[in-house]
Amino acid sequence: MTQKTADSPAISESTLANQDKRLIVQFALAATTILLCIILVIWGIHRVQVSDPYIHDVLASTSNLERGQQLFWQNCATCHGLNGAGEVGPDLNGISERKSQVALIKQVISGKTPPMPQFQPNTQDMADLLIFLETL
């Protein structure tokens, strides 16, 4: 009897260790699956956004920084200030770190955040403005 009692705790510890290992593997697989799903959803959203012909053309255009600055000064500086530091509108410094190129394009053309007006530049003007916004 003493021998059985001595062996029983070792078996239980071994069984518990195997169960712990299985739980860790199951957790790792579940976490990996969730991460892959999130990545696929983000990639899918990006693909749909970039498939918009206007956005695609803007992103495919070569851009002119000086022209972008002129467009900003003519159309945006009244509210955002000459250097994008914000006046009536919000501070745009570091905006490209907070928003993607697609999000910036949509923000400019949508007019969905009053009092910002809807602005519909042609694709070249938007590409030029976008490159300037990335310098702020």
C-alpha atoms as a PDB file:
ATOM      1  CA  MET A   1       0.000   0.000   0.000  1.00  0.00           C
ATOM      2  CA  THR A   2       2.773   2.404   0.765  1.00  0.00           C
ATOM      3  CA  GLN A   3       4.211   1.823  -2.655  1.00  0.00           C
ATOM      4  CA  LYS A   4       0.878   2.560  -4.398  1.00  0.00           C
ATOM      5  CA  THR A   5       0.471   5.735  -2.426  1.00  0.00           C
ATOM      6  CA  ALA A   6       3.973   6.845  -3.371  1.00  0.00           C
ATOM      7  CA  ASP A   7       3.334   6.147  -7.078  1.00  0.00           C
ATOM      8  CA  SER A   8      -0.089   7.804  -7.214  1.00  0.00           C
ATOM      9  CA  PRO A   9       1.073  11.393  -6.647  1.00  0.00           C
ATOM     10  CA  ALA A  10       3.722  11.004  -9.383  1.00  0.00           C
ATOM     11  CA  ILE A  11       1.095   9.824 -11.854  1.00  0.00           C
ATOM     12  CA  SER A  12      -1.197  12.671 -10.919  1.00  0.00           C
ATOM     13  CA  GLU A  13       1.583  15.228 -11.356  1.00  0.00           C
ATOM     14  CA  SER A  14       2.472  13.738 -14.735  1.00  0.00           C
ATOM     15  CA  THR A  15      -1.165  13.806 -15.834  1.00  0.00           C
ATOM     16  CA  LEU A  16      -1.541  17.410 -14.674  1.00  0.00           C
ATOM     17  CA  ALA A  17       1.641  18.413 -16.513  1.00  0.00           C
ATOM     18  CA  ASN A  18       0.323  16.850 -19.743  1.00  0.00           C
ATOM     19  CA  GLN A  19      -3.021  18.609 -19.315  1.00  0.00           C
ATOM     20  CA  ASP A  20      -1.224  21.925 -18.755  1.00  0.00           C
ATOM     21  CA  LYS A  21       0.807  21.386 -21.924  1.00  0.00           C
ATOM     22  CA  ARG A  22      -2.345  20.602 -23.920  1.00  0.00           C
ATOM     23  CA  LEU A  23      -4.053  23.728 -22.578  1.00  0.00           C
ATOM     24  CA  ILE A  24      -1.065  25.863 -23.517  1.00  0.00           C
ATOM     25  CA  VAL A  25      -1.011  24.404 -27.044  1.00  0.00           C
ATOM     26  CA  GLN A  26      -4.779  24.922 -27.416  1.00  0.00           C
ATOM     27  CA  PHE A  27      -4.472  28.507 -26.196  1.00  0.00           C
ATOM     28  CA  ALA A  28      -1.588  29.187 -28.605  1.00  0.00           C
ATOM     29  CA  LEU A  29      -3.562  27.742 -31.524  1.00  0.00           C
ATOM     30  CA  ALA A  30      -6.648  29.769 -30.617  1.00  0.00           C
ATOM     31  CA  ALA A  31      -4.608  32.970 -30.261  1.00  0.00           C
ATOM     32  CA  THR A  32      -2.868  32.346 -33.591  1.00  0.00           C
ATOM     33  CA  THR A  33      -6.197  31.699 -35.313  1.00  0.00           C
ATOM     34  CA  ILE A  34      -7.701  34.891 -33.902  1.00  0.00           C
ATOM     35  CA  LEU A  35      -4.640  36.904 -34.931  1.00  0.00           C
ATOM     36  CA  LEU A  36      -4.772  35.518 -38.471  1.00  0.00           C
ATOM     37  CA  CYS A  37      -8.472  36.353 -38.708  1.00  0.00           C
ATOM     38  CA  ILE A  38      -7.819  39.931 -37.584  1.00  0.00           C
ATOM     39  CA  ILE A  39      -5.010  40.304 -40.111  1.00  0.00           C
ATOM     40  CA  LEU A  40      -7.230  38.948 -42.910  1.00  0.00           C
ATOM     41  CA  VAL A  41     -10.063  41.323 -42.003  1.00  0.00           C
ATOM     42  CA  ILE A  42      -7.710  44.326 -41.947  1.00  0.00           C
ATOM     43  CA  TRP A  43      -6.157  43.263 -45.249  1.00  0.00           C
ATOM     44  CA  GLY A  44      -9.618  42.792 -46.769  1.00  0.00           C
ATOM     45  CA  ILE A  45     -10.782  46.224 -45.644  1.00  0.00           C
ATOM     46  CA  HIS A  46      -7.625  47.798 -47.074  1.00  0.00           C
ATOM     47  CA  ARG A  47      -8.097  45.989 -50.400  1.00  0.00           C
ATOM     48  CA  VAL A  48     -11.697  47.183 -50.657  1.00  0.00           C
ATOM     49  CA  GLN A  49     -10.696  50.773 -49.857  1.00  0.00           C
ATOM     50  CA  VAL A  50      -7.835  50.790 -52.346  1.00  0.00           C
ATOM     51  CA  SER A  51     -10.104  49.300 -55.014  1.00  0.00           C
ATOM     52  CA  ASP A  52     -11.989  52.627 -55.103  1.00  0.00           C
ATOM     53  CA  PRO A  53     -10.877  54.043 -58.488  1.00  0.00           C
ATOM     54  CA  TYR A  54     -10.373  57.578 -57.134  1.00  0.00           C
ATOM     55  CA  ILE A  55      -8.246  56.390 -54.204  1.00  0.00           C
ATOM     56  CA  HIS A  56      -6.325  53.997 -56.457  1.00  0.00           C
ATOM     57  CA  ASP A  57      -5.546  56.799 -58.922  1.00  0.00           C
ATOM     58  CA  VAL A  58      -4.457  59.150 -56.119  1.00  0.00           C
ATOM     59  CA  LEU A  59      -2.108  56.561 -54.624  1.00  0.00           C
ATOM     60  CA  ALA A  60      -0.726  55.674 -58.073  1.00  0.00           C
ATOM     61  CA  SER A  61      -0.006  59.320 -58.978  1.00  0.00           C
ATOM     62  CA  THR A  62       3.370  60.945 -58.638  1.00  0.00           C
ATOM     63  CA  SER A  63       3.126  63.896 -56.324  1.00  0.00           C
ATOM     64  CA  ASN A  64       4.569  67.372 -56.098  1.00  0.00           C
ATOM     65  CA  LEU A  65       5.289  68.598 -52.572  1.00  0.00           C
ATOM     66  CA  GLU A  66       5.407  72.294 -53.491  1.00  0.00           C
ATOM     67  CA  ARG A  67       2.085  72.065 -55.303  1.00  0.00           C
ATOM     68  CA  GLY A  68       0.647  70.220 -52.301  1.00  0.00           C
ATOM     69  CA  GLN A  69       1.774  73.016 -50.018  1.00  0.00           C
ATOM     70  CA  GLN A  70       0.142  75.607 -52.294  1.00  0.00           C
ATOM     71  CA  LEU A  71      -3.108  73.619 -52.316  1.00  0.00           C
ATOM     72  CA  PHE A  72      -3.005  73.349 -48.519  1.00  0.00           C
ATOM     73  CA  TRP A  73      -2.420  77.071 -48.116  1.00  0.00           C
ATOM     74  CA  GLN A  74      -5.251  77.887 -50.558  1.00  0.00           C
ATOM     75  CA  ASN A  75      -7.837  75.434 -49.240  1.00  0.00           C
ATOM     76  CA  CYS A  76      -6.927  74.296 -45.734  1.00  0.00           C
ATOM     77  CA  ALA A  77      -4.767  76.911 -43.992  1.00  0.00           C
ATOM     78  CA  THR A  78      -7.706  79.143 -43.068  1.00  0.00           C
ATOM     79  CA  CYS A  79      -8.869  76.541 -40.557  1.00  0.00           C
ATOM     80  CA  HIS A  80      -5.736  74.466 -39.945  1.00  0.00           C
ATOM     81  CA  GLY A  81      -3.111  77.240 -40.030  1.00  0.00           C
ATOM     82  CA  LEU A  82      -0.249  77.711 -42.501  1.00  0.00           C
ATOM     83  CA  ASN A  83       1.816  75.015 -40.811  1.00  0.00           C
ATOM     84  CA  GLY A  84      -1.149  72.771 -39.941  1.00  0.00           C
ATOM     85  CA  ALA A  85      -0.929  73.604 -36.229  1.00  0.00           C
ATOM     86  CA  GLY A  86      -4.673  74.186 -35.992  1.00  0.00           C
ATOM     87  CA  GLU A  87      -6.823  77.283 -35.776  1.00  0.00           C
ATOM     88  CA  VAL A  88     -10.528  76.544 -36.159  1.00  0.00           C
ATOM     89  CA  GLY A  89      -9.732  73.025 -37.382  1.00  0.00           C
ATOM     90  CA  PRO A  90      -7.595  70.516 -35.495  1.00  0.00           C
ATOM     91  CA  ASP A  91      -3.813  70.354 -35.423  1.00  0.00           C
ATOM     92  CA  LEU A  92      -2.631  68.276 -38.379  1.00  0.00           C
ATOM     93  CA  ASN A  93       0.971  67.897 -37.289  1.00  0.00           C
ATOM     94  CA  GLY A  94       1.817  64.196 -37.289  1.00  0.00           C
ATOM     95  CA  ILE A  95      -1.507  63.374 -38.968  1.00  0.00           C
ATOM     96  CA  SER A  96       0.078  60.735 -41.205  1.00  0.00           C
ATOM     97  CA  GLU A  97       1.138  58.874 -38.056  1.00  0.00           C
ATOM     98  CA  ARG A  98      -2.485  58.805 -36.851  1.00  0.00           C
ATOM     99  CA  LYS A  99      -4.283  58.141 -40.141  1.00  0.00           C
ATOM    100  CA  SER A 100      -3.481  56.042 -43.190  1.00  0.00           C
ATOM    101  CA  GLN A 101      -3.262  57.556 -46.658  1.00  0.00           C
ATOM    102  CA  VAL A 102      -6.667  56.098 -47.494  1.00  0.00           C
ATOM    103  CA  ALA A 103      -8.179  57.567 -44.307  1.00  0.00           C
ATOM    104  CA  LEU A 104      -6.656  60.979 -45.096  1.00  0.00           C
ATOM    105  CA  ILE A 105      -8.084  60.928 -48.620  1.00  0.00           C
ATOM    106  CA  LYS A 106     -11.529  59.966 -47.330  1.00  0.00           C
ATOM    107  CA  GLN A 107     -11.366  62.667 -44.653  1.00  0.00           C
ATOM    108  CA  VAL A 108     -10.603  65.346 -47.221  1.00  0.00           C
ATOM    109  CA  ILE A 109     -13.235  64.336 -49.762  1.00  0.00           C
ATOM    110  CA  SER A 110     -16.065  63.314 -47.421  1.00  0.00           C
ATOM    111  CA  GLY A 111     -16.891  66.466 -45.504  1.00  0.00           C
ATOM    112  CA  LYS A 112     -18.316  64.207 -42.781  1.00  0.00           C
ATOM    113  CA  THR A 113     -16.695  66.068 -39.901  1.00  0.00           C
ATOM    114  CA  PRO A 114     -18.314  69.491 -39.718  1.00  0.00           C
ATOM    115  CA  PRO A 115     -17.336  72.251 -40.035  1.00  0.00           C
ATOM    116  CA  MET A 116     -14.880  70.818 -42.597  1.00  0.00           C
ATOM    117  CA  PRO A 117     -16.391  71.281 -46.049  1.00  0.00           C
ATOM    118  CA  GLN A 118     -16.474  68.570 -48.651  1.00  0.00           C
ATOM    119  CA  PHE A 119     -13.469  69.099 -50.912  1.00  0.00           C
ATOM    120  CA  GLN A 120     -13.301  67.257 -54.247  1.00  0.00           C
ATOM    121  CA  PRO A 121      -9.836  67.773 -55.734  1.00  0.00           C
ATOM    122  CA  ASN A 122      -8.857  65.971 -58.892  1.00  0.00           C
ATOM    123  CA  THR A 123      -6.601  62.962 -58.365  1.00  0.00           C
ATOM    124  CA  GLN A 124      -3.374  64.859 -59.055  1.00  0.00           C
ATOM    125  CA  ASP A 125      -4.260  67.655 -56.629  1.00  0.00           C
ATOM    126  CA  MET A 126      -5.208  65.094 -53.972  1.00  0.00           C
ATOM    127  CA  ALA A 127      -1.896  63.266 -54.479  1.00  0.00           C
ATOM    128  CA  ASP A 128      -0.019  66.553 -54.105  1.00  0.00           C
ATOM    129  CA  LEU A 129      -2.009  67.515 -51.007  1.00  0.00           C
ATOM    130  CA  LEU A 130      -1.475  64.060 -49.511  1.00  0.00           C
ATOM    131  CA  ILE A 131       2.313  64.282 -49.854  1.00  0.00           C
ATOM    132  CA  PHE A 132       2.265  67.661 -48.129  1.00  0.00           C
ATOM    133  CA  LEU A 133       0.078  66.372 -45.286  1.00  0.00           C
ATOM    134  CA  GLU A 134       2.639  63.627 -44.711  1.00  0.00           C
ATOM    135  CA  THR A 135       5.301  66.286 -44.035  1.00  0.00           C
ATOM    136  CA  LEU A 136       3.344  67.916 -41.228  1.00  0.00           C
END
